[in-house]
Amino acid sequence: MGFWYYVLKVLISSVLIVLISEISKRNGVLAGLLASVPLVSFLAIIWLYVETRDITKIRQLSTDIFWLVLPSLSFFILFPWLLGKNLRFGWAMLLSTAIMIMLYIIMMILLKKNWS
């Protein structure tokens, strides 16, 4: 794939992130809906298909995404709860992220995956 293909990938991906961020300033529910749709996963699957046409890799990526979404849900449960308990934003973000990372590590061990 050429240089312009990678530029296109970066532009599409970054425009979606900025779009969701801007929409959230006006309509939290709509932004939440757009953010909850697995746009990054969709794009990764599409880019992988375009680049490889390898259905086995796409199937494995989809399965891995499913299992690794589960630890990420802890962030979206813990973060608003901590903010509701009047924990400062930075500490709530740090604690929620740390717990999410620990759960990712546990899930990776359970799935017997490696990071290489």
PDB file of N, CA and C in Angstrom:
ATOM      1  N   MET A   1       0.848  -1.185   0.000  1.00  0.00           N
ATOM      2  CA  MET A   1       0.000   0.000   0.000  1.00  0.00           C
ATOM      3  C   MET A   1       0.889   1.243   0.000  1.00  0.00           C
ATOM      4  N   GLY A   2       0.410   2.240  -0.663  1.00  0.00           N
ATOM      5  CA  GLY A   2       1.216   3.441  -0.832  1.00  0.00           C
ATOM      6  C   GLY A   2       1.008   4.480   0.248  1.00  0.00           C
ATOM      7  N   PHE A   3       1.796   5.527   0.107  1.00  0.00           N
ATOM      8  CA  PHE A   3       1.788   6.632   1.060  1.00  0.00           C
ATOM      9  C   PHE A   3       0.397   7.245   1.202  1.00  0.00           C
ATOM     10  N   TRP A   4      -0.304   7.497   0.095  1.00  0.00           N
ATOM     11  CA  TRP A   4      -1.604   8.156   0.140  1.00  0.00           C
ATOM     12  C   TRP A   4      -2.666   7.285   0.798  1.00  0.00           C
ATOM     13  N   TYR A   5      -2.501   5.984   0.682  1.00  0.00           N
ATOM     14  CA  TYR A   5      -3.419   5.067   1.366  1.00  0.00           C
ATOM     15  C   TYR A   5      -3.305   5.244   2.878  1.00  0.00           C
ATOM     16  N   TYR A   6      -2.076   5.341   3.382  1.00  0.00           N
ATOM     17  CA  TYR A   6      -1.872   5.535   4.823  1.00  0.00           C
ATOM     18  C   TYR A   6      -2.366   6.908   5.267  1.00  0.00           C
ATOM     19  N   VAL A   7      -2.174   7.918   4.422  1.00  0.00           N
ATOM     20  CA  VAL A   7      -2.692   9.249   4.740  1.00  0.00           C
ATOM     21  C   VAL A   7      -4.217   9.185   4.845  1.00  0.00           C
ATOM     22  N   LEU A   8      -4.868   8.494   3.924  1.00  0.00           N
ATOM     23  CA  LEU A   8      -6.320   8.333   3.954  1.00  0.00           C
ATOM     24  C   LEU A   8      -6.771   7.639   5.234  1.00  0.00           C
ATOM     25  N   LYS A   9      -6.064   6.584   5.631  1.00  0.00           N
ATOM     26  CA  LYS A   9      -6.409   5.878   6.872  1.00  0.00           C
ATOM     27  C   LYS A   9      -6.327   6.808   8.070  1.00  0.00           C
ATOM     28  N   VAL A  10      -5.256   7.580   8.155  1.00  0.00           N
ATOM     29  CA  VAL A  10      -5.072   8.505   9.278  1.00  0.00           C
ATOM     30  C   VAL A  10      -6.149   9.587   9.263  1.00  0.00           C
ATOM     31  N   LEU A  11      -6.446  10.125   8.104  1.00  0.00           N
ATOM     32  CA  LEU A  11      -7.457  11.179   8.011  1.00  0.00           C
ATOM     33  C   LEU A  11      -8.839  10.684   8.417  1.00  0.00           C
ATOM     34  N   ILE A  12      -9.252   9.553   7.899  1.00  0.00           N
ATOM     35  CA  ILE A  12     -10.572   9.018   8.244  1.00  0.00           C
ATOM     36  C   ILE A  12     -10.657   8.742   9.738  1.00  0.00           C
ATOM     37  N   SER A  13      -9.643   8.094  10.289  1.00  0.00           N
ATOM     38  CA  SER A  13      -9.645   7.751  11.703  1.00  0.00           C
ATOM     39  C   SER A  13      -9.662   8.993  12.586  1.00  0.00           C
ATOM     40  N   SER A  14      -8.825   9.968  12.269  1.00  0.00           N
ATOM     41  CA  SER A  14      -8.753  11.170  13.114  1.00  0.00           C
ATOM     42  C   SER A  14     -10.000  12.034  12.971  1.00  0.00           C
ATOM     43  N   VAL A  15     -10.579  12.109  11.787  1.00  0.00           N
ATOM     44  CA  VAL A  15     -11.810  12.892  11.600  1.00  0.00           C
ATOM     45  C   VAL A  15     -12.929  12.324  12.460  1.00  0.00           C
ATOM     46  N   LEU A  16     -13.031  11.003  12.549  1.00  0.00           N
ATOM     47  CA  LEU A  16     -14.068  10.394  13.383  1.00  0.00           C
ATOM     48  C   LEU A  16     -13.894  10.762  14.850  1.00  0.00           C
ATOM     49  N   ILE A  17     -12.674  10.746  15.333  1.00  0.00           N
ATOM     50  CA  ILE A  17     -12.417  11.092  16.737  1.00  0.00           C
ATOM     51  C   ILE A  17     -12.770  12.554  17.006  1.00  0.00           C
ATOM     52  N   VAL A  18     -12.343  13.449  16.137  1.00  0.00           N
ATOM     53  CA  VAL A  18     -12.642  14.874  16.308  1.00  0.00           C
ATOM     54  C   VAL A  18     -14.145  15.109  16.202  1.00  0.00           C
ATOM     55  N   LEU A  19     -14.803  14.441  15.267  1.00  0.00           N
ATOM     56  CA  LEU A  19     -16.245  14.585  15.087  1.00  0.00           C
ATOM     57  C   LEU A  19     -17.001  14.203  16.359  1.00  0.00           C
ATOM     58  N   ILE A  20     -16.646  13.065  16.938  1.00  0.00           N
ATOM     59  CA  ILE A  20     -17.307  12.624  18.171  1.00  0.00           C
ATOM     60  C   ILE A  20     -17.045  13.611  19.304  1.00  0.00           C
ATOM     61  N   SER A  21     -15.827  14.103  19.384  1.00  0.00           N
ATOM     62  CA  SER A  21     -15.486  15.078  20.424  1.00  0.00           C
ATOM     63  C   SER A  21     -16.317  16.352  20.272  1.00  0.00           C
ATOM     64  N   GLU A  22     -16.463  16.828  19.058  1.00  0.00           N
ATOM     65  CA  GLU A  22     -17.236  18.045  18.823  1.00  0.00           C
ATOM     66  C   GLU A  22     -18.727  17.827  19.066  1.00  0.00           C
ATOM     67  N   ILE A  23     -19.252  16.686  18.658  1.00  0.00           N
ATOM     68  CA  ILE A  23     -20.668  16.388  18.882  1.00  0.00           C
ATOM     69  C   ILE A  23     -20.958  16.306  20.376  1.00  0.00           C
ATOM     70  N   SER A  24     -19.997  15.790  21.156  1.00  0.00           N
ATOM     71  CA  SER A  24     -20.216  15.634  22.598  1.00  0.00           C
ATOM     72  C   SER A  24     -20.420  16.984  23.291  1.00  0.00           C
ATOM     73  N   LYS A  25     -19.932  18.057  22.714  1.00  0.00           N
ATOM     74  CA  LYS A  25     -20.126  19.390  23.293  1.00  0.00           C
ATOM     75  C   LYS A  25     -21.581  19.839  23.182  1.00  0.00           C
ATOM     76  N   ARG A  26     -22.302  19.270  22.210  1.00  0.00           N
ATOM     77  CA  ARG A  26     -23.674  19.688  21.952  1.00  0.00           C
ATOM     78  C   ARG A  26     -24.707  18.638  22.338  1.00  0.00           C
ATOM     79  N   ASN A  27     -24.340  17.361  22.169  1.00  0.00           N
ATOM     80  CA  ASN A  27     -25.303  16.293  22.399  1.00  0.00           C
ATOM     81  C   ASN A  27     -24.565  15.057  22.912  1.00  0.00           C
ATOM     82  N   GLY A  28     -24.567  14.905  24.231  1.00  0.00           N
ATOM     83  CA  GLY A  28     -23.834  13.803  24.860  1.00  0.00           C
ATOM     84  C   GLY A  28     -24.345  12.436  24.463  1.00  0.00           C
ATOM     85  N   VAL A  29     -25.665  12.308  24.320  1.00  0.00           N
ATOM     86  CA  VAL A  29     -26.235  11.000  23.973  1.00  0.00           C
ATOM     87  C   VAL A  29     -25.807  10.589  22.568  1.00  0.00           C
ATOM     88  N   LEU A  30     -25.883  11.511  21.616  1.00  0.00           N
ATOM     89  CA  LEU A  30     -25.470  11.195  20.248  1.00  0.00           C
ATOM     90  C   LEU A  30     -23.981  10.877  20.186  1.00  0.00           C
ATOM     91  N   ALA A  31     -23.182  11.655  20.894  1.00  0.00           N
ATOM     92  CA  ALA A  31     -21.741  11.386  20.929  1.00  0.00           C
ATOM     93  C   ALA A  31     -21.465  10.038  21.581  1.00  0.00           C
ATOM     94  N   GLY A  32     -22.190   9.728  22.650  1.00  0.00           N
ATOM     95  CA  GLY A  32     -22.034   8.430  23.307  1.00  0.00           C
ATOM     96  C   GLY A  32     -22.406   7.292  22.381  1.00  0.00           C
ATOM     97  N   LEU A  33     -23.473   7.494  21.627  1.00  0.00           N
ATOM     98  CA  LEU A  33     -23.880   6.472  20.656  1.00  0.00           C
ATOM     99  C   LEU A  33     -22.789   6.253  19.620  1.00  0.00           C
ATOM    100  N   LEU A  34     -22.283   7.343  19.056  1.00  0.00           N
ATOM    101  CA  LEU A  34     -21.219   7.219  18.044  1.00  0.00           C
ATOM    102  C   LEU A  34     -19.942   6.620  18.630  1.00  0.00           C
ATOM    103  N   ALA A  35     -19.612   7.003  19.856  1.00  0.00           N
ATOM    104  CA  ALA A  35     -18.399   6.480  20.481  1.00  0.00           C
ATOM    105  C   ALA A  35     -18.562   5.013  20.865  1.00  0.00           C
ATOM    106  N   SER A  36     -19.796   4.603  21.159  1.00  0.00           N
ATOM    107  CA  SER A  36     -20.007   3.217  21.577  1.00  0.00           C
ATOM    108  C   SER A  36     -20.003   2.250  20.399  1.00  0.00           C
ATOM    109  N   VAL A  37     -20.287   2.761  19.224  1.00  0.00           N
ATOM    110  CA  VAL A  37     -20.183   1.920  18.036  1.00  0.00           C
ATOM    111  C   VAL A  37     -18.697   1.628  17.846  1.00  0.00           C
ATOM    112  N   PRO A  38     -18.357   0.402  17.623  1.00  0.00           N
ATOM    113  CA  PRO A  38     -16.925   0.064  17.553  1.00  0.00           C
ATOM    114  C   PRO A  38     -16.269   0.551  16.258  1.00  0.00           C
ATOM    115  N   LEU A  39     -16.223   1.888  16.106  1.00  0.00           N
ATOM    116  CA  LEU A  39     -15.676   2.478  14.889  1.00  0.00           C
ATOM    117  C   LEU A  39     -14.216   2.081  14.650  1.00  0.00           C
ATOM    118  N   VAL A  40     -13.422   2.108  15.705  1.00  0.00           N
ATOM    119  CA  VAL A  40     -12.016   1.738  15.557  1.00  0.00           C
ATOM    120  C   VAL A  40     -11.907   0.274  15.126  1.00  0.00           C
ATOM    121  N   SER A  41     -12.721  -0.568  15.724  1.00  0.00           N
ATOM    122  CA  SER A  41     -12.711  -1.984  15.346  1.00  0.00           C
ATOM    123  C   SER A  41     -13.172  -2.161  13.905  1.00  0.00           C
ATOM    124  N   PHE A  42     -14.236  -1.463  13.520  1.00  0.00           N
ATOM    125  CA  PHE A  42     -14.706  -1.532  12.132  1.00  0.00           C
ATOM    126  C   PHE A  42     -13.602  -1.130  11.171  1.00  0.00           C
ATOM    127  N   LEU A  43     -12.969   0.005  11.472  1.00  0.00           N
ATOM    128  CA  LEU A  43     -11.905   0.483  10.592  1.00  0.00           C
ATOM    129  C   LEU A  43     -10.739  -0.492  10.541  1.00  0.00           C
ATOM    130  N   ALA A  44     -10.343  -1.025  11.690  1.00  0.00           N
ATOM    131  CA  ALA A  44      -9.230  -1.978  11.713  1.00  0.00           C
ATOM    132  C   ALA A  44      -9.559  -3.220  10.885  1.00  0.00           C
ATOM    133  N   ILE A  45     -10.775  -3.707  11.020  1.00  0.00           N
ATOM    134  CA  ILE A  45     -11.198  -4.888  10.259  1.00  0.00           C
ATOM    135  C   ILE A  45     -11.226  -4.567   8.758  1.00  0.00           C
ATOM    136  N   ILE A  46     -11.766  -3.411   8.412  1.00  0.00           N
ATOM    137  CA  ILE A  46     -11.808  -3.021   6.996  1.00  0.00           C
ATOM    138  C   ILE A  46     -10.403  -2.857   6.434  1.00  0.00           C
ATOM    139  N   TRP A  47      -9.523  -2.141   7.180  1.00  0.00           N
ATOM    140  CA  TRP A  47      -8.154  -1.940   6.690  1.00  0.00           C
ATOM    141  C   TRP A  47      -7.449  -3.292   6.544  1.00  0.00           C
ATOM    142  N   LEU A  48      -7.635  -4.193   7.509  1.00  0.00           N
ATOM    143  CA  LEU A  48      -6.997  -5.512   7.434  1.00  0.00           C
ATOM    144  C   LEU A  48      -7.502  -6.288   6.224  1.00  0.00           C
ATOM    145  N   TYR A  49      -8.795  -6.201   5.954  1.00  0.00           N
ATOM    146  CA  TYR A  49      -9.350  -6.896   4.792  1.00  0.00           C
ATOM    147  C   TYR A  49      -8.801  -6.316   3.492  1.00  0.00           C
ATOM    148  N   VAL A  50      -8.806  -4.991   3.395  1.00  0.00           N
ATOM    149  CA  VAL A  50      -8.307  -4.334   2.182  1.00  0.00           C
ATOM    150  C   VAL A  50      -6.843  -4.698   1.944  1.00  0.00           C
ATOM    151  N   GLU A  51      -6.057  -4.750   3.026  1.00  0.00           N
ATOM    152  CA  GLU A  51      -4.626  -4.981   2.892  1.00  0.00           C
ATOM    153  C   GLU A  51      -4.262  -6.452   2.710  1.00  0.00           C
ATOM    154  N   THR A  52      -5.033  -7.374   3.295  1.00  0.00           N
ATOM    155  CA  THR A  52      -4.616  -8.783   3.270  1.00  0.00           C
ATOM    156  C   THR A  52      -5.615  -9.731   2.629  1.00  0.00           C
ATOM    157  N   ARG A  53      -6.899  -9.410   2.712  1.00  0.00           N
ATOM    158  CA  ARG A  53      -7.973 -10.318   2.279  1.00  0.00           C
ATOM    159  C   ARG A  53      -7.901 -11.662   3.014  1.00  0.00           C
ATOM    160  N   ASP A  54      -7.260 -11.655   4.177  1.00  0.00           N
ATOM    161  CA  ASP A  54      -7.064 -12.875   4.958  1.00  0.00           C
ATOM    162  C   ASP A  54      -8.196 -13.015   5.972  1.00  0.00           C
ATOM    163  N   ILE A  55      -9.169 -13.841   5.644  1.00  0.00           N
ATOM    164  CA  ILE A  55     -10.355 -14.026   6.485  1.00  0.00           C
ATOM    165  C   ILE A  55      -9.981 -14.628   7.838  1.00  0.00           C
ATOM    166  N   THR A  56      -8.981 -15.478   7.878  1.00  0.00           N
ATOM    167  CA  THR A  56      -8.546 -16.076   9.144  1.00  0.00           C
ATOM    168  C   THR A  56      -8.043 -14.997  10.106  1.00  0.00           C
ATOM    169  N   LYS A  57      -7.235 -14.065   9.606  1.00  0.00           N
ATOM    170  CA  LYS A  57      -6.739 -12.967  10.450  1.00  0.00           C
ATOM    171  C   LYS A  57      -7.885 -12.068  10.902  1.00  0.00           C
ATOM    172  N   ILE A  58      -8.818 -11.822  10.006  1.00  0.00           N
ATOM    173  CA  ILE A  58      -9.958 -10.964  10.346  1.00  0.00           C
ATOM    174  C   ILE A  58     -10.823 -11.642  11.408  1.00  0.00           C
ATOM    175  N   ARG A  59     -11.049 -12.923  11.245  1.00  0.00           N
ATOM    176  CA  ARG A  59     -11.834 -13.677  12.226  1.00  0.00           C
ATOM    177  C   ARG A  59     -11.158 -13.651  13.595  1.00  0.00           C
ATOM    178  N   GLN A  60      -9.828 -13.848  13.616  1.00  0.00           N
ATOM    179  CA  GLN A  60      -9.092 -13.838  14.877  1.00  0.00           C
ATOM    180  C   GLN A  60      -9.124 -12.457  15.520  1.00  0.00           C
ATOM    181  N   LEU A  61      -8.957 -11.407  14.715  1.00  0.00           N
ATOM    182  CA  LEU A  61      -9.012 -10.044  15.240  1.00  0.00           C
ATOM    183  C   LEU A  61     -10.380  -9.775  15.862  1.00  0.00           C
ATOM    184  N   SER A  62     -11.427 -10.173  15.177  1.00  0.00           N
ATOM    185  CA  SER A  62     -12.784  -9.963  15.686  1.00  0.00           C
ATOM    186  C   SER A  62     -12.998 -10.684  17.012  1.00  0.00           C
ATOM    187  N   THR A  63     -12.528 -11.908  17.106  1.00  0.00           N
ATOM    188  CA  THR A  63     -12.652 -12.681  18.348  1.00  0.00           C
ATOM    189  C   THR A  63     -11.845 -12.037  19.476  1.00  0.00           C
ATOM    190  N   ASP A  64     -10.614 -11.630  19.168  1.00  0.00           N
ATOM    191  CA  ASP A  64      -9.777 -10.982  20.189  1.00  0.00           C
ATOM    192  C   ASP A  64     -10.408  -9.672  20.661  1.00  0.00           C
ATOM    193  N   ILE A  65     -10.984  -8.915  19.743  1.00  0.00           N
ATOM    194  CA  ILE A  65     -11.650  -7.667  20.119  1.00  0.00           C
ATOM    195  C   ILE A  65     -12.783  -7.960  21.105  1.00  0.00           C
ATOM    196  N   PHE A  66     -13.572  -8.981  20.802  1.00  0.00           N
ATOM    197  CA  PHE A  66     -14.690  -9.321  21.696  1.00  0.00           C
ATOM    198  C   PHE A  66     -14.194  -9.552  23.119  1.00  0.00           C
ATOM    199  N   TRP A  67     -13.217 -10.422  23.282  1.00  0.00           N
ATOM    200  CA  TRP A  67     -12.749 -10.757  24.630  1.00  0.00           C
ATOM    201  C   TRP A  67     -12.081  -9.582  25.326  1.00  0.00           C
ATOM    202  N   LEU A  68     -11.437  -8.708  24.562  1.00  0.00           N
ATOM    203  CA  LEU A  68     -10.731  -7.592  25.181  1.00  0.00           C
ATOM    204  C   LEU A  68     -11.619  -6.371  25.392  1.00  0.00           C
ATOM    205  N   VAL A  69     -12.827  -6.390  24.862  1.00  0.00           N
ATOM    206  CA  VAL A  69     -13.794  -5.337  25.186  1.00  0.00           C
ATOM    207  C   VAL A  69     -14.249  -5.492  26.632  1.00  0.00           C
ATOM    208  N   LEU A  70     -14.325  -6.712  27.097  1.00  0.00           N
ATOM    209  CA  LEU A  70     -14.834  -6.957  28.454  1.00  0.00           C
ATOM    210  C   LEU A  70     -14.047  -6.197  29.522  1.00  0.00           C
ATOM    211  N   PRO A  71     -12.694  -6.255  29.535  1.00  0.00           N
ATOM    212  CA  PRO A  71     -11.981  -5.465  30.555  1.00  0.00           C
ATOM    213  C   PRO A  71     -12.175  -3.959  30.389  1.00  0.00           C
ATOM    214  N   SER A  72     -12.370  -3.503  29.153  1.00  0.00           N
ATOM    215  CA  SER A  72     -12.543  -2.057  28.945  1.00  0.00           C
ATOM    216  C   SER A  72     -13.840  -1.549  29.559  1.00  0.00           C
ATOM    217  N   LEU A  73     -14.822  -2.412  29.699  1.00  0.00           N
ATOM    218  CA  LEU A  73     -16.094  -1.995  30.299  1.00  0.00           C
ATOM    219  C   LEU A  73     -15.910  -1.553  31.749  1.00  0.00           C
ATOM    220  N   SER A  74     -14.895  -2.100  32.412  1.00  0.00           N
ATOM    221  CA  SER A  74     -14.649  -1.707  33.804  1.00  0.00           C
ATOM    222  C   SER A  74     -14.406  -0.204  33.916  1.00  0.00           C
ATOM    223  N   PHE A  75     -13.736   0.373  32.932  1.00  0.00           N
ATOM    224  CA  PHE A  75     -13.478   1.813  32.953  1.00  0.00           C
ATOM    225  C   PHE A  75     -14.793   2.593  32.960  1.00  0.00           C
ATOM    226  N   PHE A  76     -15.723   2.181  32.101  1.00  0.00           N
ATOM    227  CA  PHE A  76     -16.973   2.926  31.945  1.00  0.00           C
ATOM    228  C   PHE A  76     -17.946   2.700  33.096  1.00  0.00           C
ATOM    229  N   ILE A  77     -17.650   1.733  33.933  1.00  0.00           N
ATOM    230  CA  ILE A  77     -18.420   1.542  35.161  1.00  0.00           C
ATOM    231  C   ILE A  77     -17.765   2.321  36.300  1.00  0.00           C
ATOM    232  N   LEU A  78     -16.459   2.152  36.437  1.00  0.00           N
ATOM    233  CA  LEU A  78     -15.738   2.733  37.561  1.00  0.00           C
ATOM    234  C   LEU A  78     -15.561   4.251  37.452  1.00  0.00           C
ATOM    235  N   PHE A  79     -15.217   4.748  36.270  1.00  0.00           N
ATOM    236  CA  PHE A  79     -14.931   6.183  36.099  1.00  0.00           C
ATOM    237  C   PHE A  79     -16.107   7.073  36.514  1.00  0.00           C
ATOM    238  N   PRO A  80     -17.312   6.879  35.972  1.00  0.00           N
ATOM    239  CA  PRO A  80     -18.408   7.754  36.416  1.00  0.00           C
ATOM    240  C   PRO A  80     -18.771   7.553  37.886  1.00  0.00           C
ATOM    241  N   TRP A  81     -18.613   6.338  38.384  1.00  0.00           N
ATOM    242  CA  TRP A  81     -18.900   6.076  39.792  1.00  0.00           C
ATOM    243  C   TRP A  81     -17.949   6.876  40.677  1.00  0.00           C
ATOM    244  N   LEU A  82     -16.645   6.864  40.334  1.00  0.00           N
ATOM    245  CA  LEU A  82     -15.658   7.616  41.119  1.00  0.00           C
ATOM    246  C   LEU A  82     -15.923   9.122  41.041  1.00  0.00           C
ATOM    247  N   LEU A  83     -16.284   9.599  39.859  1.00  0.00           N
ATOM    248  CA  LEU A  83     -16.614  11.026  39.737  1.00  0.00           C
ATOM    249  C   LEU A  83     -17.830  11.370  40.595  1.00  0.00           C
ATOM    250  N   GLY A  84     -18.806  10.460  40.647  1.00  0.00           N
ATOM    251  CA  GLY A  84     -19.988  10.652  41.485  1.00  0.00           C
ATOM    252  C   GLY A  84     -19.662  10.662  42.967  1.00  0.00           C
ATOM    253  N   LYS A  85     -18.547  10.036  43.338  1.00  0.00           N
ATOM    254  CA  LYS A  85     -18.082  10.043  44.727  1.00  0.00           C
ATOM    255  C   LYS A  85     -17.180  11.240  44.995  1.00  0.00           C
ATOM    256  N   ASN A  86     -17.180  12.209  44.061  1.00  0.00           N
ATOM    257  CA  ASN A  86     -16.421  13.455  44.175  1.00  0.00           C
ATOM    258  C   ASN A  86     -14.907  13.273  44.153  1.00  0.00           C
ATOM    259  N   LEU A  87     -14.444  12.173  43.572  1.00  0.00           N
ATOM    260  CA  LEU A  87     -13.006  12.028  43.362  1.00  0.00           C
ATOM    261  C   LEU A  87     -12.628  12.976  42.225  1.00  0.00           C
ATOM    262  N   ARG A  88     -11.497  13.644  42.354  1.00  0.00           N
ATOM    263  CA  ARG A  88     -11.072  14.588  41.325  1.00  0.00           C
ATOM    264  C   ARG A  88     -10.893  13.870  39.995  1.00  0.00           C
ATOM    265  N   PHE A  89     -11.124  14.595  38.902  1.00  0.00           N
ATOM    266  CA  PHE A  89     -11.101  14.029  37.559  1.00  0.00           C
ATOM    267  C   PHE A  89      -9.823  13.226  37.290  1.00  0.00           C
ATOM    268  N   GLY A  90      -8.679  13.837  37.541  1.00  0.00           N
ATOM    269  CA  GLY A  90      -7.394  13.181  37.257  1.00  0.00           C
ATOM    270  C   GLY A  90      -7.231  11.870  38.007  1.00  0.00           C
ATOM    271  N   TRP A  91      -7.602  11.874  39.286  1.00  0.00           N
ATOM    272  CA  TRP A  91      -7.485  10.654  40.088  1.00  0.00           C
ATOM    273  C   TRP A  91      -8.481   9.593  39.629  1.00  0.00           C
ATOM    274  N   ALA A  92      -9.683  10.019  39.298  1.00  0.00           N
ATOM    275  CA  ALA A  92     -10.693   9.076  38.800  1.00  0.00           C
ATOM    276  C   ALA A  92     -10.231   8.446  37.490  1.00  0.00           C
ATOM    277  N   MET A  93      -9.669   9.267  36.610  1.00  0.00           N
ATOM    278  CA  MET A  93      -9.163   8.770  35.324  1.00  0.00           C
ATOM    279  C   MET A  93      -7.999   7.809  35.556  1.00  0.00           C
ATOM    280  N   LEU A  94      -7.085   8.180  36.427  1.00  0.00           N
ATOM    281  CA  LEU A  94      -5.909   7.354  36.696  1.00  0.00           C
ATOM    282  C   LEU A  94      -6.299   6.010  37.319  1.00  0.00           C
ATOM    283  N   LEU A  95      -7.136   6.048  38.328  1.00  0.00           N
ATOM    284  CA  LEU A  95      -7.543   4.813  39.009  1.00  0.00           C
ATOM    285  C   LEU A  95      -8.348   3.908  38.077  1.00  0.00           C
ATOM    286  N   SER A  96      -9.280   4.485  37.348  1.00  0.00           N
ATOM    287  CA  SER A  96     -10.095   3.693  36.416  1.00  0.00           C
ATOM    288  C   SER A  96      -9.230   3.055  35.336  1.00  0.00           C
ATOM    289  N   THR A  97      -8.280   3.820  34.836  1.00  0.00           N
ATOM    290  CA  THR A  97      -7.382   3.305  33.796  1.00  0.00           C
ATOM    291  C   THR A  97      -6.474   2.216  34.347  1.00  0.00           C
ATOM    292  N   ALA A  98      -5.948   2.414  35.543  1.00  0.00           N
ATOM    293  CA  ALA A  98      -5.056   1.409  36.141  1.00  0.00           C
ATOM    294  C   ALA A  98      -5.791   0.084  36.349  1.00  0.00           C
ATOM    295  N   ILE A  99      -7.001   0.156  36.845  1.00  0.00           N
ATOM    296  CA  ILE A  99      -7.786  -1.066  37.063  1.00  0.00           C
ATOM    297  C   ILE A  99      -8.108  -1.725  35.722  1.00  0.00           C
ATOM    298  N   MET A 100      -8.445  -0.924  34.731  1.00  0.00           N
ATOM    299  CA  MET A 100      -8.727  -1.471  33.408  1.00  0.00           C
ATOM    300  C   MET A 100      -7.490  -2.177  32.845  1.00  0.00           C
ATOM    301  N   ILE A 101      -6.319  -1.581  32.997  1.00  0.00           N
ATOM    302  CA  ILE A 101      -5.089  -2.198  32.500  1.00  0.00           C
ATOM    303  C   ILE A 101      -4.819  -3.512  33.226  1.00  0.00           C
ATOM    304  N   MET A 102      -5.035  -3.536  34.548  1.00  0.00           N
ATOM    305  CA  MET A 102      -4.858  -4.789  35.298  1.00  0.00           C
ATOM    306  C   MET A 102      -5.798  -5.866  34.775  1.00  0.00           C
ATOM    307  N   LEU A 103      -7.043  -5.483  34.481  1.00  0.00           N
ATOM    308  CA  LEU A 103      -8.002  -6.458  33.954  1.00  0.00           C
ATOM    309  C   LEU A 103      -7.627  -6.911  32.546  1.00  0.00           C
ATOM    310  N   TYR A 104      -7.039  -6.007  31.754  1.00  0.00           N
ATOM    311  CA  TYR A 104      -6.525  -6.414  30.441  1.00  0.00           C
ATOM    312  C   TYR A 104      -5.435  -7.471  30.596  1.00  0.00           C
ATOM    313  N   ILE A 105      -4.535  -7.244  31.521  1.00  0.00           N
ATOM    314  CA  ILE A 105      -3.440  -8.194  31.740  1.00  0.00           C
ATOM    315  C   ILE A 105      -3.997  -9.545  32.178  1.00  0.00           C
ATOM    316  N   ILE A 106      -4.945  -9.512  33.091  1.00  0.00           N
ATOM    317  CA  ILE A 106      -5.572 -10.763  33.539  1.00  0.00           C
ATOM    318  C   ILE A 106      -6.243 -11.474  32.363  1.00  0.00           C
ATOM    319  N   MET A 107      -6.964 -10.722  31.544  1.00  0.00           N
ATOM    320  CA  MET A 107      -7.637 -11.330  30.390  1.00  0.00           C
ATOM    321  C   MET A 107      -6.625 -11.919  29.412  1.00  0.00           C
ATOM    322  N   MET A 108      -5.525 -11.211  29.192  1.00  0.00           N
ATOM    323  CA  MET A 108      -4.485 -11.731  28.288  1.00  0.00           C
ATOM    324  C   MET A 108      -3.911 -13.034  28.839  1.00  0.00           C
ATOM    325  N   ILE A 109      -3.718 -13.102  30.140  1.00  0.00           N
ATOM    326  CA  ILE A 109      -3.214 -14.337  30.754  1.00  0.00           C
ATOM    327  C   ILE A 109      -4.236 -15.453  30.587  1.00  0.00           C
ATOM    328  N   LEU A 110      -5.503 -15.121  30.833  1.00  0.00           N
ATOM    329  CA  LEU A 110      -6.555 -16.129  30.684  1.00  0.00           C
ATOM    330  C   LEU A 110      -6.668 -16.625  29.243  1.00  0.00           C
ATOM    331  N   LEU A 111      -6.460 -15.733  28.307  1.00  0.00           N
ATOM    332  CA  LEU A 111      -6.527 -16.104  26.884  1.00  0.00           C
ATOM    333  C   LEU A 111      -5.211 -16.698  26.395  1.00  0.00           C
ATOM    334  N   LYS A 112      -4.207 -16.633  27.277  1.00  0.00           N
ATOM    335  CA  LYS A 112      -2.860 -17.127  26.935  1.00  0.00           C
ATOM    336  C   LYS A 112      -2.330 -16.487  25.670  1.00  0.00           C
ATOM    337  N   LYS A 113      -2.523 -15.183  25.585  1.00  0.00           N
ATOM    338  CA  LYS A 113      -2.009 -14.404  24.459  1.00  0.00           C
ATOM    339  C   LYS A 113      -0.706 -13.764  24.875  1.00  0.00           C
ATOM    340  N   ASN A 114       0.104 -13.423  23.884  1.00  0.00           N
ATOM    341  CA  ASN A 114       1.306 -12.671  24.191  1.00  0.00           C
ATOM    342  C   ASN A 114       1.251 -11.343  23.447  1.00  0.00           C
ATOM    343  N   TRP A 115       2.104 -10.439  23.835  1.00  0.00           N
ATOM    344  CA  TRP A 115       2.096  -9.083  23.279  1.00  0.00           C
ATOM    345  C   TRP A 115       3.049  -8.930  22.110  1.00  0.00           C
ATOM    346  N   SER A 116       3.661  -9.997  21.670  1.00  0.00           N
ATOM    347  CA  SER A 116       4.618  -9.860  20.557  1.00  0.00           C
ATOM    348  C   SER A 116       3.977 -10.148  19.236  1.00  0.00           C
TER     349      SER A 116
END
